[in-house]
Amino acid sequence: MSRWQRRGSEAAGYYAKYAEITAAEDFRAEAGFVDGVPAIAIYRPGSTRPDYFIRLTWEQGRLTEIRDFYYVPYITEEARFTRG
């Protein structure tokens, strides 16, 4: 499997960069579900279709995994996003 895993402060630092990226790229984020799974859809300016997703996994009320699909935007072509 080709994915990086970060834990603790290393993960927090990685995701804290989103504030900078969002401001620079003028992204818009919207919470909802991708194919029934909790996620955040990220939109580029003027777009009505998500550019990519960040999937969230929850267990017993705790966030246990964040999957960032920034580098696989083709996933949005067939995924179904619903606001929620």
PDB file of N, CA and C in Angstrom:
ATOM      1  N   MET A   1       0.849  -1.171   0.000  1.00  0.00           N
ATOM      2  CA  MET A   1       0.000   0.000   0.000  1.00  0.00           C
ATOM      3  C   MET A   1       0.893   1.233   0.000  1.00  0.00           C
ATOM      4  N   SER A   2       0.586   2.166  -0.865  1.00  0.00           N
ATOM      5  CA  SER A   2       1.417   3.347  -1.013  1.00  0.00           C
ATOM      6  C   SER A   2       0.759   4.568  -0.377  1.00  0.00           C
ATOM      7  N   ARG A   3       0.784   4.631   0.923  1.00  0.00           N
ATOM      8  CA  ARG A   3       0.260   5.819   1.585  1.00  0.00           C
ATOM      9  C   ARG A   3       1.067   6.097   2.839  1.00  0.00           C
ATOM     10  N   TRP A   4       1.244   7.371   3.103  1.00  0.00           N
ATOM     11  CA  TRP A   4       1.963   7.784   4.304  1.00  0.00           C
ATOM     12  C   TRP A   4       1.030   7.722   5.485  1.00  0.00           C
ATOM     13  N   GLN A   5       1.596   7.424   6.619  1.00  0.00           N
ATOM     14  CA  GLN A   5       0.813   7.453   7.839  1.00  0.00           C
ATOM     15  C   GLN A   5       1.502   8.378   8.824  1.00  0.00           C
ATOM     16  N   ARG A   6       0.711   9.259   9.399  1.00  0.00           N
ATOM     17  CA  ARG A   6       1.221  10.194  10.391  1.00  0.00           C
ATOM     18  C   ARG A   6       0.386  10.039  11.648  1.00  0.00           C
ATOM     19  N   ARG A   7       1.002  10.245  12.771  1.00  0.00           N
ATOM     20  CA  ARG A   7       0.289  10.129  14.042  1.00  0.00           C
ATOM     21  C   ARG A   7       0.648  11.310  14.934  1.00  0.00           C
ATOM     22  N   GLY A   8      -0.271  11.629  15.844  1.00  0.00           N
ATOM     23  CA  GLY A   8      -0.007  12.670  16.836  1.00  0.00           C
ATOM     24  C   GLY A   8       0.283  14.027  16.240  1.00  0.00           C
ATOM     25  N   SER A   9       1.309  14.693  16.770  1.00  0.00           N
ATOM     26  CA  SER A   9       1.617  16.061  16.344  1.00  0.00           C
ATOM     27  C   SER A   9       2.059  16.110  14.883  1.00  0.00           C
ATOM     28  N   GLU A  10       2.646  15.038  14.379  1.00  0.00           N
ATOM     29  CA  GLU A  10       3.041  14.997  12.978  1.00  0.00           C
ATOM     30  C   GLU A  10       1.810  15.097  12.080  1.00  0.00           C
ATOM     31  N   ALA A  11       0.746  14.405  12.442  1.00  0.00           N
ATOM     32  CA  ALA A  11      -0.502  14.479  11.679  1.00  0.00           C
ATOM     33  C   ALA A  11      -1.130  15.851  11.825  1.00  0.00           C
ATOM     34  N   ALA A  12      -1.127  16.387  13.030  1.00  0.00           N
ATOM     35  CA  ALA A  12      -1.720  17.705  13.266  1.00  0.00           C
ATOM     36  C   ALA A  12      -1.013  18.763  12.426  1.00  0.00           C
ATOM     37  N   GLY A  13       0.291  18.695  12.340  1.00  0.00           N
ATOM     38  CA  GLY A  13       1.053  19.646  11.535  1.00  0.00           C
ATOM     39  C   GLY A  13       0.717  19.551  10.061  1.00  0.00           C
ATOM     40  N   TYR A  14       0.556  18.321   9.568  1.00  0.00           N
ATOM     41  CA  TYR A  14       0.211  18.103   8.162  1.00  0.00           C
ATOM     42  C   TYR A  14      -1.143  18.731   7.847  1.00  0.00           C
ATOM     43  N   TYR A  15      -2.139  18.460   8.659  1.00  0.00           N
ATOM     44  CA  TYR A  15      -3.475  18.962   8.377  1.00  0.00           C
ATOM     45  C   TYR A  15      -3.629  20.443   8.719  1.00  0.00           C
ATOM     46  N   ALA A  16      -2.783  20.983   9.565  1.00  0.00           N
ATOM     47  CA  ALA A  16      -2.815  22.416   9.852  1.00  0.00           C
ATOM     48  C   ALA A  16      -2.434  23.218   8.601  1.00  0.00           C
ATOM     49  N   LYS A  17      -1.676  22.613   7.696  1.00  0.00           N
ATOM     50  CA  LYS A  17      -1.285  23.282   6.454  1.00  0.00           C
ATOM     51  C   LYS A  17      -2.487  23.574   5.566  1.00  0.00           C
ATOM     52  N   TYR A  18      -3.594  22.851   5.780  1.00  0.00           N
ATOM     53  CA  TYR A  18      -4.781  23.082   4.967  1.00  0.00           C
ATOM     54  C   TYR A  18      -5.291  24.515   5.078  1.00  0.00           C
ATOM     55  N   ALA A  19      -5.138  25.144   6.227  1.00  0.00           N
ATOM     56  CA  ALA A  19      -5.574  26.535   6.382  1.00  0.00           C
ATOM     57  C   ALA A  19      -4.806  27.433   5.414  1.00  0.00           C
ATOM     58  N   GLU A  20      -3.510  27.199   5.293  1.00  0.00           N
ATOM     59  CA  GLU A  20      -2.689  27.979   4.369  1.00  0.00           C
ATOM     60  C   GLU A  20      -3.064  27.684   2.915  1.00  0.00           C
ATOM     61  N   ILE A  21      -3.204  26.410   2.594  1.00  0.00           N
ATOM     62  CA  ILE A  21      -3.518  26.000   1.225  1.00  0.00           C
ATOM     63  C   ILE A  21      -4.893  26.522   0.817  1.00  0.00           C
ATOM     64  N   THR A  22      -5.858  26.394   1.717  1.00  0.00           N
ATOM     65  CA  THR A  22      -7.220  26.845   1.423  1.00  0.00           C
ATOM     66  C   THR A  22      -7.249  28.333   1.112  1.00  0.00           C
ATOM     67  N   ALA A  23      -6.529  29.115   1.884  1.00  0.00           N
ATOM     68  CA  ALA A  23      -6.487  30.562   1.644  1.00  0.00           C
ATOM     69  C   ALA A  23      -5.806  30.875   0.309  1.00  0.00           C
ATOM     70  N   ALA A  24      -4.699  30.216   0.025  1.00  0.00           N
ATOM     71  CA  ALA A  24      -3.946  30.482  -1.202  1.00  0.00           C
ATOM     72  C   ALA A  24      -4.696  30.018  -2.451  1.00  0.00           C
ATOM     73  N   GLU A  25      -5.358  28.873  -2.371  1.00  0.00           N
ATOM     74  CA  GLU A  25      -6.052  28.299  -3.524  1.00  0.00           C
ATOM     75  C   GLU A  25      -7.518  28.709  -3.596  1.00  0.00           C
ATOM     76  N   ASP A  26      -8.010  29.363  -2.546  1.00  0.00           N
ATOM     77  CA  ASP A  26      -9.402  29.786  -2.454  1.00  0.00           C
ATOM     78  C   ASP A  26     -10.362  28.593  -2.520  1.00  0.00           C
ATOM     79  N   PHE A  27      -9.961  27.480  -1.909  1.00  0.00           N
ATOM     80  CA  PHE A  27     -10.820  26.298  -1.840  1.00  0.00           C
ATOM     81  C   PHE A  27     -12.010  26.551  -0.927  1.00  0.00           C
ATOM     82  N   ARG A  28     -13.055  25.784  -1.124  1.00  0.00           N
ATOM     83  CA  ARG A  28     -14.222  25.796  -0.242  1.00  0.00           C
ATOM     84  C   ARG A  28     -14.447  24.354   0.214  1.00  0.00           C
ATOM     85  N   ALA A  29     -14.682  24.158   1.496  1.00  0.00           N
ATOM     86  CA  ALA A  29     -14.889  22.818   2.055  1.00  0.00           C
ATOM     87  C   ALA A  29     -16.338  22.671   2.500  1.00  0.00           C
ATOM     88  N   GLU A  30     -16.868  21.463   2.319  1.00  0.00           N
ATOM     89  CA  GLU A  30     -18.243  21.190   2.719  1.00  0.00           C
ATOM     90  C   GLU A  30     -18.320  19.782   3.306  1.00  0.00           C
ATOM     91  N   ALA A  31     -18.894  19.678   4.492  1.00  0.00           N
ATOM     92  CA  ALA A  31     -19.045  18.377   5.150  1.00  0.00           C
ATOM     93  C   ALA A  31     -20.220  17.615   4.561  1.00  0.00           C
ATOM     94  N   GLY A  32     -20.088  16.298   4.540  1.00  0.00           N
ATOM     95  CA  GLY A  32     -21.162  15.455   4.036  1.00  0.00           C
ATOM     96  C   GLY A  32     -20.738  14.001   3.997  1.00  0.00           C
ATOM     97  N   PHE A  33     -21.214  13.293   2.982  1.00  0.00           N
ATOM     98  CA  PHE A  33     -20.936  11.864   2.845  1.00  0.00           C
ATOM     99  C   PHE A  33     -20.564  11.548   1.408  1.00  0.00           C
ATOM    100  N   VAL A  34     -19.551  10.725   1.242  1.00  0.00           N
ATOM    101  CA  VAL A  34     -19.170  10.214  -0.072  1.00  0.00           C
ATOM    102  C   VAL A  34     -19.534   8.739  -0.071  1.00  0.00           C
ATOM    103  N   ASP A  35     -20.488   8.396  -0.922  1.00  0.00           N
ATOM    104  CA  ASP A  35     -20.985   7.020  -0.986  1.00  0.00           C
ATOM    105  C   ASP A  35     -21.344   6.502   0.406  1.00  0.00           C
ATOM    106  N   GLY A  36     -21.938   7.371   1.225  1.00  0.00           N
ATOM    107  CA  GLY A  36     -22.400   6.994   2.557  1.00  0.00           C
ATOM    108  C   GLY A  36     -21.367   7.074   3.666  1.00  0.00           C
ATOM    109  N   VAL A  37     -20.133   7.457   3.354  1.00  0.00           N
ATOM    110  CA  VAL A  37     -19.054   7.536   4.339  1.00  0.00           C
ATOM    111  C   VAL A  37     -18.785   9.003   4.678  1.00  0.00           C
ATOM    112  N   PRO A  38     -18.647   9.362   5.974  1.00  0.00           N
ATOM    113  CA  PRO A  38     -18.380  10.761   6.326  1.00  0.00           C
ATOM    114  C   PRO A  38     -17.131  11.294   5.618  1.00  0.00           C
ATOM    115  N   ALA A  39     -17.259  12.501   5.083  1.00  0.00           N
ATOM    116  CA  ALA A  39     -16.146  13.087   4.340  1.00  0.00           C
ATOM    117  C   ALA A  39     -16.303  14.593   4.258  1.00  0.00           C
ATOM    118  N   ILE A  40     -15.238  15.223   3.803  1.00  0.00           N
ATOM    119  CA  ILE A  40     -15.238  16.644   3.504  1.00  0.00           C
ATOM    120  C   ILE A  40     -14.963  16.766   2.015  1.00  0.00           C
ATOM    121  N   ALA A  41     -15.845  17.451   1.304  1.00  0.00           N
ATOM    122  CA  ALA A  41     -15.639  17.693  -0.122  1.00  0.00           C
ATOM    123  C   ALA A  41     -14.925  19.026  -0.270  1.00  0.00           C
ATOM    124  N   ILE A  42     -13.920  19.069  -1.129  1.00  0.00           N
ATOM    125  CA  ILE A  42     -13.151  20.282  -1.374  1.00  0.00           C
ATOM    126  C   ILE A  42     -13.449  20.768  -2.792  1.00  0.00           C
ATOM    127  N   TYR A  43     -13.858  22.023  -2.894  1.00  0.00           N
ATOM    128  CA  TYR A  43     -14.228  22.620  -4.174  1.00  0.00           C
ATOM    129  C   TYR A  43     -13.249  23.709  -4.563  1.00  0.00           C
ATOM    130  N   ARG A  44     -12.934  23.793  -5.835  1.00  0.00           N
ATOM    131  CA  ARG A  44     -12.153  24.908  -6.362  1.00  0.00           C
ATOM    132  C   ARG A  44     -13.118  26.071  -6.639  1.00  0.00           C
ATOM    133  N   PRO A  45     -12.613  27.291  -6.737  1.00  0.00           N
ATOM    134  CA  PRO A  45     -13.484  28.450  -6.979  1.00  0.00           C
ATOM    135  C   PRO A  45     -14.374  28.259  -8.216  1.00  0.00           C
ATOM    136  N   GLY A  46     -15.656  28.560  -8.043  1.00  0.00           N
ATOM    137  CA  GLY A  46     -16.604  28.498  -9.144  1.00  0.00           C
ATOM    138  C   GLY A  46     -17.082  27.106  -9.524  1.00  0.00           C
ATOM    139  N   SER A  47     -16.546  26.074  -8.898  1.00  0.00           N
ATOM    140  CA  SER A  47     -16.917  24.705  -9.251  1.00  0.00           C
ATOM    141  C   SER A  47     -18.147  24.246  -8.469  1.00  0.00           C
ATOM    142  N   THR A  48     -18.989  23.474  -9.128  1.00  0.00           N
ATOM    143  CA  THR A  48     -20.147  22.890  -8.454  1.00  0.00           C
ATOM    144  C   THR A  48     -19.901  21.418  -8.142  1.00  0.00           C
ATOM    145  N   ARG A  49     -18.769  20.907  -8.579  1.00  0.00           N
ATOM    146  CA  ARG A  49     -18.402  19.509  -8.349  1.00  0.00           C
ATOM    147  C   ARG A  49     -17.135  19.471  -7.493  1.00  0.00           C
ATOM    148  N   PRO A  50     -17.090  18.605  -6.476  1.00  0.00           N
ATOM    149  CA  PRO A  50     -15.880  18.539  -5.640  1.00  0.00           C
ATOM    150  C   PRO A  50     -14.637  18.208  -6.465  1.00  0.00           C
ATOM    151  N   ASP A  51     -13.523  18.828  -6.092  1.00  0.00           N
ATOM    152  CA  ASP A  51     -12.240  18.551  -6.738  1.00  0.00           C
ATOM    153  C   ASP A  51     -11.606  17.297  -6.143  1.00  0.00           C
ATOM    154  N   TYR A  52     -11.775  17.134  -4.831  1.00  0.00           N
ATOM    155  CA  TYR A  52     -11.299  15.930  -4.148  1.00  0.00           C
ATOM    156  C   TYR A  52     -11.979  15.804  -2.802  1.00  0.00           C
ATOM    157  N   PHE A  53     -11.722  14.704  -2.117  1.00  0.00           N
ATOM    158  CA  PHE A  53     -12.353  14.440  -0.828  1.00  0.00           C
ATOM    159  C   PHE A  53     -11.327  14.167   0.259  1.00  0.00           C
ATOM    160  N   ILE A  54     -11.759  14.403   1.475  1.00  0.00           N
ATOM    161  CA  ILE A  54     -11.019  13.973   2.666  1.00  0.00           C
ATOM    162  C   ILE A  54     -12.006  13.089   3.422  1.00  0.00           C
ATOM    163  N   ARG A  55     -11.701  11.803   3.506  1.00  0.00           N
ATOM    164  CA  ARG A  55     -12.608  10.854   4.164  1.00  0.00           C
ATOM    165  C   ARG A  55     -12.279  10.745   5.644  1.00  0.00           C
ATOM    166  N   LEU A  56     -13.303  10.704   6.470  1.00  0.00           N
ATOM    167  CA  LEU A  56     -13.135  10.629   7.916  1.00  0.00           C
ATOM    168  C   LEU A  56     -13.698   9.309   8.430  1.00  0.00           C
ATOM    169  N   THR A  57     -12.954   8.647   9.302  1.00  0.00           N
ATOM    170  CA  THR A  57     -13.420   7.407   9.920  1.00  0.00           C
ATOM    171  C   THR A  57     -13.569   7.647  11.412  1.00  0.00           C
ATOM    172  N   TRP A  58     -14.747   7.343  11.930  1.00  0.00           N
ATOM    173  CA  TRP A  58     -15.069   7.542  13.346  1.00  0.00           C
ATOM    174  C   TRP A  58     -15.332   6.195  13.997  1.00  0.00           C
ATOM    175  N   GLU A  59     -14.838   6.020  15.198  1.00  0.00           N
ATOM    176  CA  GLU A  59     -15.118   4.827  15.996  1.00  0.00           C
ATOM    177  C   GLU A  59     -15.373   5.269  17.430  1.00  0.00           C
ATOM    178  N   GLN A  60     -16.515   4.892  17.953  1.00  0.00           N
ATOM    179  CA  GLN A  60     -16.910   5.218  19.322  1.00  0.00           C
ATOM    180  C   GLN A  60     -16.764   6.712  19.619  1.00  0.00           C
ATOM    181  N   GLY A  61     -17.217   7.523  18.680  1.00  0.00           N
ATOM    182  CA  GLY A  61     -17.201   8.961  18.881  1.00  0.00           C
ATOM    183  C   GLY A  61     -15.856   9.639  18.713  1.00  0.00           C
ATOM    184  N   ARG A  62     -14.841   8.892  18.244  1.00  0.00           N
ATOM    185  CA  ARG A  62     -13.499   9.472  18.047  1.00  0.00           C
ATOM    186  C   ARG A  62     -13.078   9.366  16.595  1.00  0.00           C
ATOM    187  N   LEU A  63     -12.442  10.398  16.129  1.00  0.00           N
ATOM    188  CA  LEU A  63     -11.884  10.382  14.785  1.00  0.00           C
ATOM    189  C   LEU A  63     -10.655   9.485  14.803  1.00  0.00           C
ATOM    190  N   THR A  64     -10.681   8.402  14.019  1.00  0.00           N
ATOM    191  CA  THR A  64      -9.571   7.445  14.056  1.00  0.00           C
ATOM    192  C   THR A  64      -8.726   7.441  12.786  1.00  0.00           C
ATOM    193  N   GLU A  65      -9.267   7.985  11.698  1.00  0.00           N
ATOM    194  CA  GLU A  65      -8.485   7.993  10.457  1.00  0.00           C
ATOM    195  C   GLU A  65      -8.947   9.128   9.559  1.00  0.00           C
ATOM    196  N   ILE A  66      -7.988   9.751   8.908  1.00  0.00           N
ATOM    197  CA  ILE A  66      -8.252  10.781   7.915  1.00  0.00           C
ATOM    198  C   ILE A  66      -7.552  10.333   6.634  1.00  0.00           C
ATOM    199  N   ARG A  67      -8.318  10.187   5.559  1.00  0.00           N
ATOM    200  CA  ARG A  67      -7.741   9.808   4.259  1.00  0.00           C
ATOM    201  C   ARG A  67      -7.889  10.989   3.324  1.00  0.00           C
ATOM    202  N   ASP A  68      -6.786  11.511   2.887  1.00  0.00           N
ATOM    203  CA  ASP A  68      -6.740  12.681   2.026  1.00  0.00           C
ATOM    204  C   ASP A  68      -6.596  12.200   0.584  1.00  0.00           C
ATOM    205  N   PHE A  69      -7.577  12.506  -0.258  1.00  0.00           N
ATOM    206  CA  PHE A  69      -7.556  12.057  -1.652  1.00  0.00           C
ATOM    207  C   PHE A  69      -7.156  13.186  -2.609  1.00  0.00           C
ATOM    208  N   TYR A  70      -6.357  14.124  -2.122  1.00  0.00           N
ATOM    209  CA  TYR A  70      -5.904  15.247  -2.941  1.00  0.00           C
ATOM    210  C   TYR A  70      -5.208  14.772  -4.220  1.00  0.00           C
ATOM    211  N   TYR A  71      -4.391  13.745  -4.106  1.00  0.00           N
ATOM    212  CA  TYR A  71      -3.610  13.285  -5.255  1.00  0.00           C
ATOM    213  C   TYR A  71      -4.333  12.260  -6.121  1.00  0.00           C
ATOM    214  N   VAL A  72      -5.600  11.999  -5.834  1.00  0.00           N
ATOM    215  CA  VAL A  72      -6.391  11.090  -6.672  1.00  0.00           C
ATOM    216  C   VAL A  72      -7.745  11.734  -7.001  1.00  0.00           C
ATOM    217  N   PRO A  73      -7.721  12.892  -7.666  1.00  0.00           N
ATOM    218  CA  PRO A  73      -8.964  13.614  -7.937  1.00  0.00           C
ATOM    219  C   PRO A  73      -9.934  12.851  -8.843  1.00  0.00           C
ATOM    220  N   TYR A  74      -9.445  11.869  -9.600  1.00  0.00           N
ATOM    221  CA  TYR A  74     -10.331  11.097 -10.479  1.00  0.00           C
ATOM    222  C   TYR A  74     -11.387  10.336  -9.675  1.00  0.00           C
ATOM    223  N   ILE A  75     -11.166  10.181  -8.401  1.00  0.00           N
ATOM    224  CA  ILE A  75     -12.127   9.483  -7.535  1.00  0.00           C
ATOM    225  C   ILE A  75     -13.471  10.222  -7.551  1.00  0.00           C
ATOM    226  N   THR A  76     -13.462  11.530  -7.734  1.00  0.00           N
ATOM    227  CA  THR A  76     -14.710  12.300  -7.707  1.00  0.00           C
ATOM    228  C   THR A  76     -15.577  12.038  -8.935  1.00  0.00           C
ATOM    229  N   GLU A  77     -15.004  11.485  -9.974  1.00  0.00           N
ATOM    230  CA  GLU A  77     -15.764  11.236 -11.195  1.00  0.00           C
ATOM    231  C   GLU A  77     -16.920  10.265 -10.967  1.00  0.00           C
ATOM    232  N   GLU A  78     -16.728   9.275 -10.112  1.00  0.00           N
ATOM    233  CA  GLU A  78     -17.766   8.274  -9.904  1.00  0.00           C
ATOM    234  C   GLU A  78     -18.352   8.286  -8.497  1.00  0.00           C
ATOM    235  N   ALA A  79     -17.748   9.050  -7.610  1.00  0.00           N
ATOM    236  CA  ALA A  79     -18.242   9.095  -6.228  1.00  0.00           C
ATOM    237  C   ALA A  79     -19.517   9.935  -6.152  1.00  0.00           C
ATOM    238  N   ARG A  80     -20.351   9.598  -5.216  1.00  0.00           N
ATOM    239  CA  ARG A  80     -21.594  10.335  -4.984  1.00  0.00           C
ATOM    240  C   ARG A  80     -21.500  11.094  -3.677  1.00  0.00           C
ATOM    241  N   PHE A  81     -21.468  12.409  -3.741  1.00  0.00           N
ATOM    242  CA  PHE A  81     -21.368  13.237  -2.541  1.00  0.00           C
ATOM    243  C   PHE A  81     -22.745  13.774  -2.181  1.00  0.00           C
ATOM    244  N   THR A  82     -23.109  13.635  -0.902  1.00  0.00           N
ATOM    245  CA  THR A  82     -24.347  14.228  -0.401  1.00  0.00           C
ATOM    246  C   THR A  82     -24.017  15.121   0.780  1.00  0.00           C
ATOM    247  N   ARG A  83     -24.615  16.265   0.821  1.00  0.00           N
ATOM    248  CA  ARG A  83     -24.381  17.204   1.920  1.00  0.00           C
ATOM    249  C   ARG A  83     -25.015  16.665   3.189  1.00  0.00           C
ATOM    250  N   GLY A  84     -24.381  16.968   4.285  1.00  0.00           N
ATOM    251  CA  GLY A  84     -24.965  16.485   5.529  1.00  0.00           C
ATOM    252  C   GLY A  84     -24.342  17.072   6.676  1.00  0.00           C
TER     253      GLY A  84
END
